[in-house]
């Protein structure tokens, strides 16, 4: 008997508000708990709510172990009636939002704090990589390789051979994001980047060079999810959720990743929001490496598969350009605070849609798209997601 796919429930009436960034540090002796606690405190202080009013809690962190979200409830003095732990890194912002939105709609929670954070000390990145994925470790360690640079060099080289992309094409993405970062007070990188400097940077793992790589750091990101009515009652500037998708282990038959799960569900995403790709005013792509940004341009429908290089040549991706992308600077220029990197696009999108983006604001932005990408094993990513947000009430 054929199974009929049930129509997805709308996200109507769900608001996101109070974007929080715990300032990034290159190295820190503080634990992940400290950064997550700072994020929760900032949510309370910025929103004016009491900590006891947070009755939902969703957490993402790589360096929180052996604790999980439930351990943090004791550590931070929370007592939520809805709880989730989403250890999916770069996809966690979208996934936390989706789960929190459904909790609010069902009445399981009134105000959900979505929080991500990690520490970064001298040895923590190596420890995280060693415990990240048995699949990736088994595929690379016997050959003397390890870590994301070699993995993404493999993916990048394959994309270049398949679609004719050049290093200059990837460089345009990195350079424009650096331009955006110069107007972001939280960004780790404070110096302009030219295409010439990008091209001349030292090789890391061919064809990956220095400015293709994110800077690991410590920090946190957070936001609140609640009903639109609740946000209005609290007087909080907010954005509205108009559509959201996620997909795991997409296109498993591709020998090497050239397509992401966004492609499978993008028609559903735009249909939920009743918009087209051309209606989107800015995108916040997950940018652990430029090749993944280019794949998102294609798989989210802004151009066809294989047209990413041409698309980057035809557009300026700064906040005031023809195709604003990663207006905070993204991880490539703001930094990658572990799992908080999966929240960076979300907090930046909320700022853009609530008039809180300062000098990097996208003019008259009404619609924003945030994409997530996480849990890379060896030759592909397992988790992808995306959300479309629209301007709500509040500052303009």
Foldseek 3Di string as FASTA:
>chain_A
DDDDDDDDDFLPFKWWFDKDKFFWFLADPDWQLVQQLVQLVSSCVVLVHDLAQAQAEEEEELRPPPDFFVVSCVVNVYHHQYYYYDHFFQQQQQVVQVVVSVCQVVVSHAKYKYKYWGGHHPCVVVVSQVPQAPLQCVVAVVVVDGDVVQLVLVQVVVLCVVQVADQLLLLLVLQQLQVLQCLAPRAPFNDHDDSVNSVPADCDHPPHGDLQAFRAITIMIMIMMHGPVVCVVSQTFIWGFQFKDKAFCPPVVPPFDQADPLLVCLVVRCVSNVHDPVLAQAEEEARRGSSRVLNCCQSNPVHHRSCSSVVSVVWRQALAIPYPYNSNSQRSTRNRRTSNSSNSRVSCVGCLQAVNSPPRHRPPGFKYKYKGWGRDRRRGTTMIMMTMIGRDDHHD
